Protein backbone atom coordinates (compact mmCIF):
# COMPACT_ATOMS: atom_id res chain seq x y z
CA MET A 1 71.09 8.51 46.32
CA ASN A 2 68.55 9.40 48.68
CA ASN A 3 66.23 7.83 47.18
CA LEU A 4 62.91 9.70 47.96
CA PHE A 5 59.48 8.77 46.68
CA VAL A 6 55.68 10.61 46.41
CA LYS A 7 52.70 9.03 45.08
CA THR A 8 51.77 10.14 41.39
CA ARG A 9 48.15 9.46 39.16
CA SER A 10 49.38 6.55 37.05
CA THR A 11 47.64 6.44 33.31
CA LYS A 12 44.99 4.22 34.58
CA ASP A 13 44.12 6.41 37.64
CA ILE A 14 43.75 9.24 34.70
CA ILE A 15 41.77 6.98 32.39
CA ILE A 16 39.11 6.29 34.84
CA SER A 17 38.39 9.68 36.25
CA ALA A 18 38.31 10.55 31.90
CA VAL A 19 35.91 7.93 31.36
CA LEU A 20 33.89 8.21 34.29
CA LEU A 21 33.80 12.69 33.29
CA ALA A 22 33.20 11.58 29.54
CA GLY A 23 29.87 9.43 30.65
CA GLY A 24 28.53 11.63 33.05
CA VAL A 25 28.95 15.17 30.50
CA THR A 26 27.58 13.04 26.89
CA MET A 27 24.56 11.45 29.79
CA VAL A 28 24.24 15.29 30.79
CA VAL A 29 24.10 16.87 27.01
CA LEU A 30 21.81 14.15 25.33
CA PRO A 31 18.55 14.60 25.91
CA THR A 32 17.59 12.54 28.17
CA PRO A 33 14.92 12.57 31.34
CA ALA A 34 15.77 14.54 34.27
CA SER A 35 17.31 11.25 36.88
CA VAL A 36 19.48 10.48 33.42
CA ASN A 37 20.82 13.73 34.07
CA ILE A 38 21.30 13.54 37.59
CA ALA A 39 22.60 10.46 36.97
CA GLY A 40 25.09 11.93 34.41
CA LEU A 41 25.83 15.10 36.80
CA PHE A 42 27.15 12.39 39.40
CA LEU A 43 29.11 10.21 37.77
CA ALA A 44 30.87 13.62 36.37
CA CYS A 45 31.24 14.96 39.73
CA THR A 46 33.00 12.12 40.66
CA GLY A 47 35.71 11.62 37.78
CA ILE A 48 36.52 15.24 38.54
CA VAL A 49 36.98 13.80 41.93
CA LEU A 50 38.81 10.73 41.71
CA LEU A 51 41.11 12.84 39.13
CA ALA A 52 42.16 15.14 42.15
CA VAL A 53 42.75 12.86 44.32
CA LEU A 54 43.30 9.35 42.79
CA LYS A 55 47.17 9.04 42.99
CA SER A 56 48.66 5.46 42.91
CA GLY A 57 51.71 5.43 41.31
CA TRP A 58 54.99 6.53 43.11
CA LYS A 59 58.09 8.19 41.43
CA ASN A 60 61.71 8.86 42.11
CA THR A 61 62.16 12.01 42.98
CA GLU A 62 65.50 12.72 41.80
CA THR A 63 65.46 10.12 38.72
CA ARG A 64 61.52 10.48 37.86
CA GLU A 65 61.40 7.09 37.37
CA LYS A 66 57.59 5.41 37.61
CA PHE A 67 57.02 2.62 39.66
CA TYR A 68 54.70 0.16 41.31
CA SER A 69 53.45 -0.50 44.60
CA LYS A 70 52.91 -3.47 46.72
CA THR A 71 52.30 -3.81 50.33
CA LEU A 72 52.64 -7.34 52.19
CA TYR A 73 51.96 -8.24 55.44
CA PHE A 74 54.11 -10.05 57.78
CA PRO A 75 53.51 -11.43 61.58
CA ARG A 76 55.80 -10.40 64.16
CA GLU A 77 57.81 -14.00 64.27
CA MET A 78 58.75 -13.80 60.79
CA GLU A 79 60.83 -10.38 61.76
CA GLY A 80 64.41 -11.78 62.19
CA LYS A 81 63.65 -14.01 58.88
CA LEU A 82 62.44 -10.80 57.24
CA LYS A 83 65.43 -8.78 58.02
CA GLU A 84 68.30 -11.30 57.53
CA ALA A 85 66.14 -11.44 53.42
CA MET A 86 66.19 -7.53 53.20
CA GLU A 87 70.10 -8.02 53.60
CA GLY A 88 70.79 -11.21 51.50
CA SER A 89 68.20 -12.43 48.93
CA LEU A 90 63.97 -11.63 49.30
CA LYS A 91 63.63 -15.27 46.96
CA LYS A 92 63.15 -17.29 50.20
CA ILE A 93 60.65 -15.15 51.55
CA THR A 94 56.96 -16.13 50.67
CA SER A 95 53.30 -14.12 50.73
CA ASP A 96 51.38 -15.93 52.96
CA THR A 97 47.85 -14.29 52.67
CA SER A 98 46.17 -16.87 54.87
CA ASN A 99 48.15 -15.37 58.13
CA GLN A 100 45.54 -12.74 59.25
CA SER A 101 48.57 -10.77 61.68
CA SER A 102 50.31 -7.70 60.13
CA ALA A 103 52.37 -6.72 62.81
CA LEU A 104 55.18 -5.86 59.66
CA LYS A 105 54.67 -4.72 56.63
CA LEU A 106 56.99 -4.80 53.51
CA ASP A 107 56.52 -2.13 51.27
CA ILE A 108 58.27 -3.18 47.63
CA LEU A 109 58.22 -0.35 44.57
CA TYR A 110 59.24 -1.80 41.52
CA ASN A 111 59.85 -1.26 37.92
CA LYS A 112 59.81 -4.11 35.58
CA LYS A 113 60.91 -2.32 32.63
CA THR A 114 64.00 -0.43 34.59
CA GLY A 115 64.79 -3.38 36.40
CA LYS A 116 65.35 -1.51 39.66
CA ALA A 117 63.03 -2.31 42.81
CA PHE A 118 63.60 -0.66 46.38
CA CYS A 119 62.22 -2.69 49.64
CA GLN A 120 61.20 -0.68 52.90
CA LEU A 121 59.96 -3.07 56.17
CA SER A 122 58.31 -1.57 58.72
CA GLU A 123 56.62 -2.49 62.47
CA TYR A 124 53.09 -1.86 63.89
CA ILE A 125 53.58 0.73 66.84
CA PRO A 126 49.95 1.17 67.80
CA TYR A 127 47.81 3.50 65.16
CA GLN A 128 50.87 3.81 62.44
CA TYR A 129 53.51 1.73 61.02
CA HIS A 130 56.95 3.08 61.63
CA PRO A 131 59.59 1.95 59.54
CA PHE A 132 62.73 0.52 60.80
CA THR A 133 64.75 -0.09 57.69
CA GLU A 134 65.62 2.27 54.68
CA MET A 135 64.18 2.36 51.25
CA ILE A 136 67.13 -1.18 50.01
CA PRO A 137 67.43 -1.59 46.30
CA LYS A 138 66.63 -4.60 44.95
CA PRO A 139 67.16 -6.37 41.47
CA VAL A 140 63.46 -6.14 40.28
CA ASP A 141 63.72 -10.48 39.51
CA GLU A 142 64.27 -11.27 43.94
CA VAL A 143 60.69 -9.49 43.90
CA LEU A 144 58.56 -10.26 41.16
CA HIS A 145 57.60 -13.90 43.06
CA LEU A 146 55.70 -11.03 45.55
CA VAL A 147 54.18 -8.78 43.26
């Protein structure tokens, strides 16, 4: 299985865009002062732009399953522990948000309905994160405490 993932629109993205668009159009159509029409036009344009660019969901290209995403950052000192956990169980890892270091990035894609999760560990090399593990499949119960 290749496990290629692409970004896609989630239901939440479509609802946000539709509400902004409908609210803006309603404000323009109703007989209101010019300032309200301008605000409605701004809302409608914002809804259109968000509909075009907002993509917060992930989809597996082979199985067409949709996944939610969570990204965690860790300091460089945890590299050995994270690599070990990626090979074994992620239940040993805790997400500590108090640490400001972000040398390592753990991307988690999960779907609670199907019970599948995929994890990838990336390393920060100036200006960009480079993955040093592939997308590793895990059971969703191993990653639920992190999301």
